């Protein structure tokens, strides 16, 4: 199992769940800095993005999960944002494919589309399109709405305000538009793991309702 983005909110939750899963024998965490692993199941591959292909070349993993992502504020510029949310995600996908992964699960965003007028959503959409061209047998794209959860370090004021208001805004958002509602980061992480046994080939998009349905079916 290959994992990128384990230092973030969803990636950290995915890492915790993989460590606790008896069905997962080993995890290769790819990152630019060390991750908070708690078991010997985790092998950390730390280095610049350009080094990722060499770092994971001998991993021989069937499935890779990308939870890579940042914000414009954290990145500091649009170019730096693209370097993480598109370039690093694509580099990881290519590295994983080169290491033998035939399936790829990525966390994107509701509204992601390469033609969006919103820079953030357009970048997410381009990342999805680029990774679709890598050649995986199966690609699962998770598109959560506003994430509810506690992040370490960075304080995102707008996000915290959105979370505070989410009980009201979720209530006012009709079911047909529930992909725009908030969702617990833990639900997204659990949905990613619920997809691990999937075997059908193709590209599959999972928005909020799809992820909740996955969790219901997986018990």
N, C-alpha and C. Protein backbone atom coordinates (compact mmCIF):
# COMPACT_ATOMS: atom_id res chain seq x y z
N UNK A 1 0.85 -1.19 0.00
CA UNK A 1 0.00 0.00 0.00
C UNK A 1 0.88 1.25 0.00
N UNK A 2 0.68 2.11 -0.98
CA UNK A 2 1.40 3.38 -1.05
C UNK A 2 0.46 4.50 -0.62
N UNK A 3 0.99 5.44 0.15
CA UNK A 3 0.17 6.56 0.64
C UNK A 3 0.97 7.85 0.57
N UNK A 4 0.36 8.87 -0.03
CA UNK A 4 0.95 10.22 -0.04
C UNK A 4 -0.04 11.18 0.61
N UNK A 5 0.48 12.14 1.34
CA UNK A 5 -0.38 13.12 2.00
C UNK A 5 -0.71 12.77 3.43
N UNK A 6 0.07 11.89 4.04
CA UNK A 6 -0.23 11.42 5.40
C UNK A 6 -0.01 12.49 6.46
N UNK A 7 0.57 13.63 6.09
CA UNK A 7 0.76 14.70 7.07
C UNK A 7 -0.45 15.62 7.14
N UNK A 8 -1.43 15.41 6.25
CA UNK A 8 -2.63 16.24 6.24
C UNK A 8 -3.77 15.63 7.05
N UNK A 9 -4.91 16.31 7.05
CA UNK A 9 -6.05 15.88 7.86
C UNK A 9 -6.56 14.50 7.43
N UNK A 10 -6.96 14.36 6.17
CA UNK A 10 -7.51 13.08 5.71
C UNK A 10 -6.41 12.04 5.61
N UNK A 11 -5.26 12.42 5.08
CA UNK A 11 -4.17 11.46 4.95
C UNK A 11 -3.72 10.89 6.28
N UNK A 12 -3.70 11.75 7.31
CA UNK A 12 -3.34 11.26 8.64
C UNK A 12 -4.34 10.26 9.17
N UNK A 13 -5.63 10.51 8.91
CA UNK A 13 -6.66 9.57 9.35
C UNK A 13 -6.58 8.26 8.58
N UNK A 14 -6.30 8.35 7.29
CA UNK A 14 -6.13 7.13 6.49
C UNK A 14 -4.96 6.31 7.02
N UNK A 15 -3.85 6.98 7.32
CA UNK A 15 -2.68 6.28 7.84
C UNK A 15 -3.03 5.56 9.14
N UNK A 16 -3.72 6.22 10.05
CA UNK A 16 -4.12 5.59 11.32
C UNK A 16 -4.94 4.33 11.07
N UNK A 17 -5.88 4.42 10.14
CA UNK A 17 -6.76 3.28 9.87
C UNK A 17 -6.01 2.14 9.20
N UNK A 18 -5.09 2.47 8.32
CA UNK A 18 -4.29 1.43 7.68
C UNK A 18 -3.40 0.72 8.70
N UNK A 19 -2.86 1.49 9.64
CA UNK A 19 -2.02 0.88 10.68
C UNK A 19 -2.83 -0.07 11.56
N UNK A 20 -4.10 0.27 11.76
CA UNK A 20 -4.94 -0.55 12.63
C UNK A 20 -5.58 -1.73 11.91
N UNK A 21 -5.51 -1.75 10.59
CA UNK A 21 -6.17 -2.79 9.80
C UNK A 21 -5.33 -4.06 9.74
N UNK A 22 -5.94 -5.17 10.15
CA UNK A 22 -5.24 -6.46 10.08
C UNK A 22 -5.07 -6.92 8.65
N UNK A 23 -5.87 -6.36 7.73
CA UNK A 23 -5.81 -6.76 6.33
C UNK A 23 -4.67 -6.10 5.57
N UNK A 24 -4.04 -5.10 6.18
CA UNK A 24 -2.95 -4.37 5.52
C UNK A 24 -1.63 -4.76 6.17
N UNK A 25 -0.78 -5.40 5.39
CA UNK A 25 0.48 -5.90 5.94
C UNK A 25 1.55 -4.82 6.03
N UNK A 26 1.56 -3.91 5.09
CA UNK A 26 2.59 -2.88 5.09
C UNK A 26 2.15 -1.63 4.38
N UNK A 27 2.67 -0.50 4.81
CA UNK A 27 2.32 0.81 4.24
C UNK A 27 3.61 1.54 3.90
N UNK A 28 3.67 2.06 2.70
CA UNK A 28 4.79 2.90 2.31
C UNK A 28 4.28 4.33 2.24
N UNK A 29 4.73 5.16 3.17
CA UNK A 29 4.30 6.55 3.23
C UNK A 29 5.32 7.43 2.51
N UNK A 30 4.87 8.07 1.45
CA UNK A 30 5.73 8.92 0.64
C UNK A 30 5.47 10.38 1.00
N UNK A 31 6.52 11.11 1.33
CA UNK A 31 6.32 12.49 1.78
C UNK A 31 7.60 13.28 1.65
N UNK A 32 7.47 14.60 1.78
CA UNK A 32 8.65 15.46 1.79
C UNK A 32 9.21 15.64 3.18
N UNK A 33 8.41 15.25 4.20
CA UNK A 33 8.87 15.29 5.58
C UNK A 33 8.26 14.11 6.32
N UNK A 34 8.81 13.79 7.49
CA UNK A 34 8.38 12.61 8.23
C UNK A 34 6.92 12.65 8.62
N UNK A 35 6.30 11.46 8.68
CA UNK A 35 4.90 11.33 9.08
C UNK A 35 4.82 10.73 10.48
N UNK A 36 3.67 10.91 11.12
CA UNK A 36 3.48 10.44 12.50
C UNK A 36 3.02 8.99 12.52
N UNK A 37 3.89 8.08 12.15
CA UNK A 37 3.56 6.66 12.18
C UNK A 37 3.69 6.13 13.60
N UNK A 38 2.86 5.11 13.93
CA UNK A 38 2.88 4.55 15.27
C UNK A 38 3.21 3.06 15.30
N UNK A 39 3.36 2.45 14.12
CA UNK A 39 3.68 1.02 14.07
C UNK A 39 4.82 0.76 13.11
N UNK A 40 5.38 -0.42 13.20
CA UNK A 40 6.47 -0.80 12.30
C UNK A 40 5.96 -1.22 10.93
N UNK A 41 4.63 -1.20 10.74
CA UNK A 41 4.06 -1.50 9.43
C UNK A 41 4.38 -0.42 8.40
N UNK A 42 4.77 0.76 8.90
CA UNK A 42 4.97 1.90 8.02
C UNK A 42 6.45 2.05 7.66
N UNK A 43 6.71 2.08 6.34
CA UNK A 43 8.05 2.42 5.84
C UNK A 43 7.96 3.80 5.23
N UNK A 44 8.75 4.71 5.73
CA UNK A 44 8.69 6.09 5.26
C UNK A 44 9.71 6.33 4.15
N UNK A 45 9.22 6.90 3.05
CA UNK A 45 10.08 7.29 1.94
C UNK A 45 10.06 8.81 1.88
N UNK A 46 11.08 9.43 2.42
CA UNK A 46 11.11 10.88 2.58
C UNK A 46 12.11 11.50 1.62
N UNK A 47 11.64 12.50 0.89
CA UNK A 47 12.55 13.18 -0.02
C UNK A 47 11.81 14.14 -0.92
N UNK A 48 12.54 14.91 -1.73
CA UNK A 48 11.92 15.84 -2.68
C UNK A 48 11.03 15.08 -3.67
N UNK A 49 10.06 15.77 -4.22
CA UNK A 49 9.12 15.15 -5.14
C UNK A 49 9.84 14.48 -6.31
N UNK A 50 10.91 15.11 -6.80
CA UNK A 50 11.65 14.55 -7.94
C UNK A 50 12.26 13.19 -7.61
N UNK A 51 12.45 12.90 -6.32
CA UNK A 51 13.06 11.64 -5.91
C UNK A 51 12.04 10.53 -5.67
N UNK A 52 10.74 10.86 -5.70
CA UNK A 52 9.73 9.87 -5.36
C UNK A 52 9.76 8.62 -6.24
N UNK A 53 9.94 8.72 -7.55
CA UNK A 53 9.98 7.49 -8.36
C UNK A 53 11.05 6.52 -7.89
N UNK A 54 12.24 7.03 -7.58
CA UNK A 54 13.31 6.15 -7.11
C UNK A 54 13.02 5.61 -5.72
N UNK A 55 12.39 6.43 -4.87
CA UNK A 55 12.13 6.02 -3.49
C UNK A 55 11.14 4.86 -3.42
N UNK A 56 10.16 4.83 -4.34
CA UNK A 56 9.13 3.80 -4.28
C UNK A 56 9.31 2.70 -5.31
N UNK A 57 10.39 2.74 -6.05
CA UNK A 57 10.58 1.81 -7.17
C UNK A 57 10.49 0.34 -6.76
N UNK A 58 10.94 0.02 -5.54
CA UNK A 58 10.96 -1.38 -5.12
C UNK A 58 9.79 -1.73 -4.18
N UNK A 59 8.75 -0.88 -4.16
CA UNK A 59 7.66 -1.07 -3.20
C UNK A 59 6.72 -2.20 -3.57
N UNK A 60 6.50 -2.44 -4.86
CA UNK A 60 5.65 -3.52 -5.33
C UNK A 60 4.28 -3.52 -4.65
N UNK A 61 3.60 -2.39 -4.74
CA UNK A 61 2.27 -2.24 -4.15
C UNK A 61 1.20 -2.26 -5.23
N UNK A 62 0.05 -2.85 -4.92
CA UNK A 62 -1.05 -2.92 -5.88
C UNK A 62 -1.92 -1.67 -5.86
N UNK A 63 -2.02 -1.01 -4.70
CA UNK A 63 -2.93 0.13 -4.53
C UNK A 63 -2.16 1.33 -3.98
N UNK A 64 -2.49 2.51 -4.50
CA UNK A 64 -1.91 3.76 -3.98
C UNK A 64 -3.04 4.73 -3.64
N UNK A 65 -2.85 5.47 -2.57
CA UNK A 65 -3.83 6.47 -2.14
C UNK A 65 -3.14 7.83 -2.04
N UNK A 66 -3.75 8.84 -2.65
CA UNK A 66 -3.22 10.19 -2.56
C UNK A 66 -4.18 11.10 -1.82
N UNK A 67 -3.72 11.66 -0.72
CA UNK A 67 -4.50 12.67 0.02
C UNK A 67 -3.73 13.99 0.00
N UNK A 68 -2.93 14.19 -1.04
CA UNK A 68 -2.14 15.40 -1.15
C UNK A 68 -3.03 16.61 -1.38
N UNK A 69 -2.69 17.70 -0.74
CA UNK A 69 -3.46 18.92 -0.93
C UNK A 69 -2.98 20.02 0.00
N UNK A 70 -3.16 21.26 -0.44
CA UNK A 70 -2.79 22.40 0.38
C UNK A 70 -3.81 23.50 0.14
N UNK A 71 -3.51 24.70 0.56
CA UNK A 71 -4.37 25.86 0.31
C UNK A 71 -3.51 26.94 -0.33
N UNK A 72 -4.15 27.89 -0.98
CA UNK A 72 -3.41 29.01 -1.57
C UNK A 72 -2.64 29.77 -0.50
N UNK A 73 -3.29 29.95 0.65
CA UNK A 73 -2.63 30.70 1.73
C UNK A 73 -1.40 29.95 2.22
N UNK A 74 -1.54 28.65 2.41
CA UNK A 74 -0.42 27.86 2.91
C UNK A 74 0.69 27.76 1.86
N UNK A 75 0.30 27.60 0.60
CA UNK A 75 1.29 27.47 -0.47
C UNK A 75 2.03 28.78 -0.70
N UNK A 76 1.32 29.90 -0.61
CA UNK A 76 1.96 31.20 -0.77
C UNK A 76 1.79 31.83 -2.14
N UNK A 77 1.48 31.03 -3.14
CA UNK A 77 1.28 31.54 -4.49
C UNK A 77 0.52 30.51 -5.31
N UNK A 78 -0.03 30.93 -6.43
CA UNK A 78 -0.74 30.00 -7.29
C UNK A 78 0.21 28.94 -7.84
N UNK A 79 1.42 29.35 -8.19
CA UNK A 79 2.39 28.40 -8.73
C UNK A 79 2.75 27.33 -7.69
N UNK A 80 2.92 27.75 -6.45
CA UNK A 80 3.26 26.80 -5.39
C UNK A 80 2.09 25.87 -5.09
N UNK A 81 0.87 26.41 -5.22
CA UNK A 81 -0.32 25.59 -5.02
C UNK A 81 -0.40 24.50 -6.10
N UNK A 82 -0.20 24.89 -7.35
CA UNK A 82 -0.22 23.92 -8.45
C UNK A 82 0.87 22.87 -8.27
N UNK A 83 2.01 23.28 -7.73
CA UNK A 83 3.13 22.35 -7.53
C UNK A 83 2.76 21.21 -6.60
N UNK A 84 1.86 21.47 -5.65
CA UNK A 84 1.43 20.42 -4.72
C UNK A 84 0.20 19.70 -5.25
N UNK A 85 -0.88 20.46 -5.52
CA UNK A 85 -2.18 19.85 -5.80
C UNK A 85 -2.26 19.24 -7.19
N UNK A 86 -1.42 19.65 -8.10
CA UNK A 86 -1.38 19.00 -9.42
C UNK A 86 -0.08 18.25 -9.62
N UNK A 87 1.04 18.97 -9.57
CA UNK A 87 2.32 18.37 -9.96
C UNK A 87 2.74 17.24 -9.02
N UNK A 88 2.64 17.47 -7.70
CA UNK A 88 3.05 16.42 -6.76
C UNK A 88 2.10 15.23 -6.83
N UNK A 89 0.80 15.51 -6.97
CA UNK A 89 -0.17 14.41 -7.07
C UNK A 89 0.09 13.57 -8.30
N UNK A 90 0.38 14.22 -9.41
CA UNK A 90 0.67 13.50 -10.65
C UNK A 90 1.99 12.74 -10.55
N UNK A 91 2.99 13.36 -9.94
CA UNK A 91 4.28 12.69 -9.77
C UNK A 91 4.13 11.43 -8.91
N UNK A 92 3.31 11.54 -7.86
CA UNK A 92 3.07 10.38 -7.01
C UNK A 92 2.35 9.28 -7.78
N UNK A 93 1.34 9.67 -8.57
CA UNK A 93 0.59 8.69 -9.36
C UNK A 93 1.50 7.97 -10.33
N UNK A 94 2.35 8.70 -11.01
CA UNK A 94 3.27 8.08 -11.96
C UNK A 94 4.27 7.17 -11.24
N UNK A 95 4.73 7.63 -10.07
CA UNK A 95 5.66 6.81 -9.30
C UNK A 95 5.00 5.52 -8.84
N UNK A 96 3.75 5.62 -8.40
CA UNK A 96 3.01 4.45 -7.95
C UNK A 96 2.78 3.47 -9.10
N UNK A 97 2.42 4.00 -10.26
CA UNK A 97 2.20 3.16 -11.44
C UNK A 97 3.50 2.46 -11.82
N UNK A 98 4.59 3.19 -11.76
CA UNK A 98 5.89 2.60 -12.07
C UNK A 98 6.30 1.52 -11.09
N UNK A 99 5.78 1.60 -9.85
CA UNK A 99 6.09 0.61 -8.83
C UNK A 99 5.14 -0.58 -8.87
N UNK A 100 4.21 -0.55 -9.84
CA UNK A 100 3.32 -1.70 -10.02
C UNK A 100 1.90 -1.52 -9.57
N UNK A 101 1.54 -0.34 -9.02
CA UNK A 101 0.17 -0.12 -8.57
C UNK A 101 -0.78 -0.11 -9.77
N UNK A 102 -1.85 -0.87 -9.67
CA UNK A 102 -2.85 -0.91 -10.73
C UNK A 102 -4.10 -0.15 -10.35
N UNK A 103 -4.20 0.26 -9.08
CA UNK A 103 -5.36 1.01 -8.62
C UNK A 103 -4.89 2.26 -7.88
N UNK A 104 -5.68 3.32 -8.03
CA UNK A 104 -5.31 4.60 -7.42
C UNK A 104 -6.57 5.24 -6.85
N UNK A 105 -6.46 5.70 -5.60
CA UNK A 105 -7.54 6.39 -4.92
C UNK A 105 -7.04 7.80 -4.59
N UNK A 106 -7.76 8.82 -5.01
CA UNK A 106 -7.31 10.18 -4.73
C UNK A 106 -8.41 11.01 -4.10
N UNK A 107 -8.02 11.90 -3.21
CA UNK A 107 -8.95 12.84 -2.58
C UNK A 107 -8.87 14.14 -3.36
N UNK A 108 -10.00 14.58 -3.89
CA UNK A 108 -10.07 15.81 -4.66
C UNK A 108 -10.99 16.79 -3.94
N UNK A 109 -11.94 17.38 -4.64
CA UNK A 109 -12.84 18.35 -4.02
C UNK A 109 -14.15 18.42 -4.78
N UNK A 110 -15.24 18.67 -4.07
CA UNK A 110 -16.51 18.92 -4.73
C UNK A 110 -16.34 20.10 -5.69
N UNK A 111 -16.92 19.98 -6.87
CA UNK A 111 -16.83 21.06 -7.84
C UNK A 111 -15.58 21.06 -8.70
N UNK A 112 -14.70 20.08 -8.49
CA UNK A 112 -13.47 20.04 -9.28
C UNK A 112 -13.79 19.88 -10.76
N UNK A 113 -13.20 20.72 -11.58
CA UNK A 113 -13.40 20.66 -13.03
C UNK A 113 -12.30 21.47 -13.70
N UNK A 114 -11.64 20.91 -14.70
CA UNK A 114 -10.52 21.64 -15.33
C UNK A 114 -10.95 22.95 -15.98
N UNK A 115 -12.25 23.08 -16.31
CA UNK A 115 -12.73 24.31 -16.94
C UNK A 115 -13.34 25.30 -15.98
N UNK A 116 -13.24 25.04 -14.68
CA UNK A 116 -13.83 25.93 -13.69
C UNK A 116 -13.16 27.31 -13.71
N UNK A 117 -13.95 28.34 -13.44
CA UNK A 117 -13.40 29.69 -13.32
C UNK A 117 -12.70 29.89 -11.98
N UNK A 118 -12.95 28.99 -11.05
CA UNK A 118 -12.31 29.05 -9.75
C UNK A 118 -10.95 28.37 -9.84
N UNK A 119 -9.90 29.08 -9.49
CA UNK A 119 -8.54 28.55 -9.65
C UNK A 119 -8.34 27.26 -8.88
N UNK A 120 -8.81 27.23 -7.65
CA UNK A 120 -8.67 26.03 -6.80
C UNK A 120 -9.33 24.83 -7.46
N UNK A 121 -10.59 24.99 -7.88
CA UNK A 121 -11.34 23.88 -8.46
C UNK A 121 -10.80 23.48 -9.83
N UNK A 122 -10.31 24.46 -10.58
CA UNK A 122 -9.72 24.15 -11.88
C UNK A 122 -8.45 23.33 -11.71
N UNK A 123 -7.64 23.68 -10.71
CA UNK A 123 -6.41 22.92 -10.45
C UNK A 123 -6.73 21.50 -10.03
N UNK A 124 -7.72 21.34 -9.15
CA UNK A 124 -8.15 20.01 -8.73
C UNK A 124 -8.65 19.21 -9.95
N UNK A 125 -9.42 19.88 -10.81
CA UNK A 125 -9.93 19.20 -12.00
C UNK A 125 -8.83 18.78 -12.94
N UNK A 126 -7.83 19.62 -13.11
CA UNK A 126 -6.70 19.26 -13.98
C UNK A 126 -5.92 18.09 -13.40
N UNK A 127 -5.80 18.07 -12.07
CA UNK A 127 -5.11 16.95 -11.42
C UNK A 127 -5.85 15.64 -11.68
N UNK A 128 -7.18 15.68 -11.56
CA UNK A 128 -7.97 14.49 -11.84
C UNK A 128 -7.75 14.02 -13.28
N UNK A 129 -7.82 14.96 -14.23
CA UNK A 129 -7.67 14.61 -15.64
C UNK A 129 -6.28 14.05 -15.93
N UNK A 130 -5.27 14.66 -15.33
CA UNK A 130 -3.90 14.20 -15.57
C UNK A 130 -3.70 12.78 -15.04
N UNK A 131 -4.24 12.52 -13.85
CA UNK A 131 -4.06 11.19 -13.24
C UNK A 131 -4.87 10.13 -13.99
N UNK A 132 -5.99 10.53 -14.59
CA UNK A 132 -6.75 9.59 -15.40
C UNK A 132 -5.93 9.09 -16.58
N UNK A 133 -4.99 9.90 -17.05
CA UNK A 133 -4.19 9.53 -18.21
C UNK A 133 -2.98 8.66 -17.86
N UNK A 134 -2.74 8.42 -16.56
CA UNK A 134 -1.57 7.65 -16.15
C UNK A 134 -1.68 6.19 -16.57
N UNK A 135 -2.90 5.63 -16.52
CA UNK A 135 -3.09 4.27 -16.99
C UNK A 135 -3.40 3.24 -15.93
N UNK A 136 -4.02 3.66 -14.83
CA UNK A 136 -4.41 2.69 -13.80
C UNK A 136 -5.62 1.88 -14.28
N UNK A 137 -5.71 0.65 -13.80
CA UNK A 137 -6.88 -0.17 -14.12
C UNK A 137 -8.14 0.43 -13.51
N UNK A 138 -8.00 0.96 -12.31
CA UNK A 138 -9.15 1.58 -11.62
C UNK A 138 -8.68 2.85 -10.93
N UNK A 139 -9.46 3.91 -11.10
CA UNK A 139 -9.20 5.18 -10.44
C UNK A 139 -10.45 5.60 -9.69
N UNK A 140 -10.33 5.79 -8.38
CA UNK A 140 -11.43 6.27 -7.55
C UNK A 140 -11.11 7.69 -7.10
N UNK A 141 -12.03 8.61 -7.41
CA UNK A 141 -11.84 10.02 -7.07
C UNK A 141 -12.88 10.42 -6.02
N UNK A 142 -12.41 10.79 -4.84
CA UNK A 142 -13.29 11.24 -3.77
C UNK A 142 -13.41 12.76 -3.83
N UNK A 143 -14.66 13.25 -3.91
CA UNK A 143 -14.89 14.69 -3.99
C UNK A 143 -15.73 15.16 -2.80
N UNK A 144 -15.12 15.31 -1.65
CA UNK A 144 -15.87 15.74 -0.46
C UNK A 144 -16.23 17.22 -0.51
N UNK A 145 -17.30 17.57 0.23
CA UNK A 145 -17.63 18.98 0.42
C UNK A 145 -16.74 19.55 1.52
N UNK A 146 -17.22 20.56 2.22
CA UNK A 146 -16.45 21.16 3.31
C UNK A 146 -16.10 20.10 4.34
N UNK A 147 -14.82 19.99 4.67
CA UNK A 147 -14.36 18.96 5.60
C UNK A 147 -14.50 19.42 7.05
N UNK A 148 -15.11 18.57 7.86
CA UNK A 148 -15.17 18.82 9.29
C UNK A 148 -14.12 17.96 9.98
N UNK A 149 -13.28 18.61 10.76
CA UNK A 149 -12.23 17.88 11.45
C UNK A 149 -11.24 18.85 12.05
N UNK A 150 -10.38 18.35 12.90
CA UNK A 150 -9.39 19.19 13.56
C UNK A 150 -8.03 19.03 12.91
N UNK A 151 -7.55 20.10 12.33
CA UNK A 151 -6.24 20.08 11.69
C UNK A 151 -5.16 20.42 12.71
N UNK A 152 -3.97 19.88 12.48
CA UNK A 152 -2.83 20.21 13.32
C UNK A 152 -2.10 21.40 12.71
N UNK A 153 -1.71 22.33 13.53
CA UNK A 153 -0.89 23.44 13.05
C UNK A 153 -1.71 24.58 12.47
N UNK A 154 -1.85 24.59 11.14
CA UNK A 154 -2.45 25.71 10.43
C UNK A 154 -3.89 25.99 10.88
N UNK A 155 -4.19 27.27 11.09
CA UNK A 155 -5.55 27.69 11.42
C UNK A 155 -6.17 28.31 10.17
N UNK A 156 -7.22 27.68 9.67
CA UNK A 156 -7.91 28.19 8.48
C UNK A 156 -9.19 28.87 8.94
N UNK A 157 -9.15 30.20 9.04
CA UNK A 157 -10.25 30.95 9.63
C UNK A 157 -11.55 30.75 8.85
N UNK A 158 -11.49 30.88 7.53
CA UNK A 158 -12.69 30.74 6.71
C UNK A 158 -13.27 29.34 6.85
N UNK A 159 -12.38 28.35 6.89
CA UNK A 159 -12.84 26.97 7.02
C UNK A 159 -13.49 26.75 8.39
N UNK A 160 -12.88 27.29 9.45
CA UNK A 160 -13.45 27.12 10.79
C UNK A 160 -14.83 27.78 10.87
N UNK A 161 -14.98 28.94 10.23
CA UNK A 161 -16.27 29.61 10.21
C UNK A 161 -17.29 28.76 9.47
N UNK A 162 -16.86 28.18 8.34
CA UNK A 162 -17.76 27.33 7.57
C UNK A 162 -18.21 26.12 8.36
N UNK A 163 -17.29 25.54 9.13
CA UNK A 163 -17.64 24.38 9.96
C UNK A 163 -18.64 24.77 11.04
N UNK A 164 -18.43 25.95 11.64
CA UNK A 164 -19.34 26.42 12.68
C UNK A 164 -20.76 26.61 12.13
N UNK A 165 -20.85 27.06 10.88
CA UNK A 165 -22.15 27.33 10.27
C UNK A 165 -22.74 26.12 9.58
N UNK A 166 -21.93 25.04 9.44
CA UNK A 166 -22.36 23.89 8.64
C UNK A 166 -23.66 23.23 9.10
N UNK A 167 -23.96 23.16 10.41
CA UNK A 167 -25.26 22.56 10.78
C UNK A 167 -26.44 23.29 10.15
N UNK A 168 -26.34 24.62 10.05
CA UNK A 168 -27.41 25.41 9.45
C UNK A 168 -27.37 25.30 7.93
N UNK A 169 -26.18 25.47 7.33
CA UNK A 169 -26.09 25.44 5.87
C UNK A 169 -26.42 24.05 5.33
N UNK A 170 -26.04 23.00 6.06
CA UNK A 170 -26.38 21.64 5.62
C UNK A 170 -27.89 21.43 5.64
N UNK A 171 -28.52 21.98 6.67
CA UNK A 171 -29.97 21.85 6.80
C UNK A 171 -30.70 22.56 5.67
N UNK A 172 -30.15 23.68 5.23
CA UNK A 172 -30.78 24.48 4.18
C UNK A 172 -30.46 23.98 2.78
N UNK A 173 -29.48 23.08 2.68
CA UNK A 173 -29.09 22.55 1.37
C UNK A 173 -29.95 21.33 1.04
N UNK A 174 -30.72 21.37 -0.05
CA UNK A 174 -31.60 20.23 -0.38
C UNK A 174 -30.79 18.97 -0.69
N UNK A 175 -31.43 17.81 -0.54
CA UNK A 175 -30.75 16.54 -0.73
C UNK A 175 -30.13 16.43 -2.13
N UNK A 176 -30.82 16.98 -3.13
CA UNK A 176 -30.31 16.88 -4.49
C UNK A 176 -28.97 17.59 -4.65
N UNK A 177 -28.67 18.48 -3.71
CA UNK A 177 -27.40 19.20 -3.74
C UNK A 177 -26.52 18.84 -2.55
N UNK A 178 -26.72 17.64 -1.99
CA UNK A 178 -25.99 17.32 -0.76
C UNK A 178 -24.50 17.09 -0.97
N UNK A 179 -24.06 17.08 -2.23
CA UNK A 179 -22.61 17.02 -2.46
C UNK A 179 -21.94 18.32 -2.01
N UNK A 180 -22.75 19.38 -1.82
CA UNK A 180 -22.19 20.64 -1.33
C UNK A 180 -22.24 20.75 0.20
N UNK A 181 -22.84 19.78 0.85
CA UNK A 181 -22.90 19.81 2.31
C UNK A 181 -21.52 19.50 2.90
N UNK A 182 -21.38 19.73 4.19
CA UNK A 182 -20.12 19.38 4.86
C UNK A 182 -20.08 17.87 5.10
N UNK A 183 -18.88 17.37 5.32
CA UNK A 183 -18.69 15.94 5.58
C UNK A 183 -17.52 15.78 6.54
N UNK A 184 -17.63 14.85 7.46
CA UNK A 184 -16.55 14.60 8.41
C UNK A 184 -15.33 14.03 7.68
N UNK A 185 -14.16 14.55 8.00
CA UNK A 185 -12.94 14.03 7.39
C UNK A 185 -12.79 12.54 7.67
N UNK A 186 -13.26 12.10 8.84
CA UNK A 186 -13.19 10.68 9.18
C UNK A 186 -14.04 9.84 8.23
N UNK A 187 -15.17 10.39 7.75
CA UNK A 187 -16.01 9.67 6.79
C UNK A 187 -15.28 9.51 5.46
N UNK A 188 -14.56 10.53 5.05
CA UNK A 188 -13.80 10.46 3.79
C UNK A 188 -12.70 9.41 3.90
N UNK A 189 -12.00 9.42 5.03
CA UNK A 189 -10.94 8.43 5.25
C UNK A 189 -11.53 7.02 5.25
N UNK A 190 -12.65 6.83 5.93
CA UNK A 190 -13.29 5.51 5.99
C UNK A 190 -13.77 5.08 4.60
N UNK A 191 -14.27 6.03 3.81
CA UNK A 191 -14.72 5.71 2.46
C UNK A 191 -13.55 5.25 1.59
N UNK A 192 -12.40 5.90 1.75
CA UNK A 192 -11.22 5.49 0.99
C UNK A 192 -10.86 4.04 1.29
N UNK A 193 -10.92 3.68 2.57
CA UNK A 193 -10.61 2.30 2.95
C UNK A 193 -11.70 1.33 2.51
N UNK A 194 -12.95 1.80 2.48
CA UNK A 194 -14.04 0.94 2.04
C UNK A 194 -13.90 0.58 0.56
N UNK A 195 -13.15 1.38 -0.17
CA UNK A 195 -12.95 1.13 -1.60
C UNK A 195 -11.84 0.12 -1.88
N UNK A 196 -11.06 -0.22 -0.88
CA UNK A 196 -9.91 -1.10 -1.11
C UNK A 196 -10.28 -2.44 -1.74
N UNK A 197 -11.41 -3.07 -1.38
CA UNK A 197 -11.74 -4.37 -1.99
C UNK A 197 -12.35 -4.26 -3.39
N UNK A 198 -12.67 -3.05 -3.86
CA UNK A 198 -13.33 -2.90 -5.16
C UNK A 198 -12.49 -3.49 -6.27
N UNK A 199 -13.15 -4.07 -7.26
CA UNK A 199 -12.40 -4.76 -8.31
C UNK A 199 -12.77 -4.34 -9.73
N UNK A 200 -13.90 -3.66 -9.93
CA UNK A 200 -14.28 -3.24 -11.27
C UNK A 200 -13.27 -2.24 -11.83
N UNK A 201 -13.04 -2.31 -13.12
CA UNK A 201 -12.11 -1.38 -13.77
C UNK A 201 -12.84 -0.12 -14.22
N UNK A 202 -12.09 0.97 -14.33
CA UNK A 202 -12.66 2.23 -14.79
C UNK A 202 -12.38 3.37 -13.84
N UNK A 203 -12.99 4.51 -14.12
CA UNK A 203 -12.87 5.70 -13.28
C UNK A 203 -14.19 5.94 -12.57
N UNK A 204 -14.12 6.12 -11.26
CA UNK A 204 -15.33 6.25 -10.45
C UNK A 204 -15.24 7.52 -9.59
N UNK A 205 -16.29 8.35 -9.68
CA UNK A 205 -16.36 9.59 -8.90
C UNK A 205 -17.25 9.36 -7.69
N UNK A 206 -16.79 9.76 -6.52
CA UNK A 206 -17.55 9.58 -5.28
C UNK A 206 -17.72 10.92 -4.59
N UNK A 207 -18.95 11.43 -4.58
CA UNK A 207 -19.24 12.66 -3.86
C UNK A 207 -19.81 12.30 -2.49
N UNK A 208 -20.24 13.29 -1.73
CA UNK A 208 -20.66 13.03 -0.35
C UNK A 208 -21.61 11.85 -0.22
N UNK A 209 -22.72 11.87 -0.97
CA UNK A 209 -23.73 10.81 -0.85
C UNK A 209 -23.15 9.45 -1.19
N UNK A 210 -22.29 9.40 -2.21
CA UNK A 210 -21.66 8.13 -2.59
C UNK A 210 -20.79 7.59 -1.45
N UNK A 211 -20.07 8.49 -0.79
CA UNK A 211 -19.21 8.06 0.32
C UNK A 211 -20.03 7.57 1.50
N UNK A 212 -21.13 8.29 1.79
CA UNK A 212 -21.99 7.84 2.90
C UNK A 212 -22.60 6.47 2.57
N UNK A 213 -22.98 6.27 1.31
CA UNK A 213 -23.53 4.98 0.90
C UNK A 213 -22.49 3.86 1.01
N UNK A 214 -21.26 4.18 0.67
CA UNK A 214 -20.17 3.21 0.82
C UNK A 214 -20.04 2.76 2.27
N UNK A 215 -20.11 3.73 3.17
CA UNK A 215 -19.96 3.41 4.60
C UNK A 215 -21.12 2.58 5.10
N UNK A 216 -22.32 2.87 4.60
CA UNK A 216 -23.49 2.08 5.01
C UNK A 216 -23.35 0.63 4.53
N UNK A 217 -22.89 0.45 3.30
CA UNK A 217 -22.76 -0.90 2.75
C UNK A 217 -21.64 -1.69 3.42
N UNK A 218 -20.59 -0.96 3.84
CA UNK A 218 -19.45 -1.66 4.45
C UNK A 218 -19.70 -1.95 5.94
N UNK A 219 -20.80 -1.42 6.48
CA UNK A 219 -21.17 -1.70 7.86
C UNK A 219 -20.45 -0.82 8.85
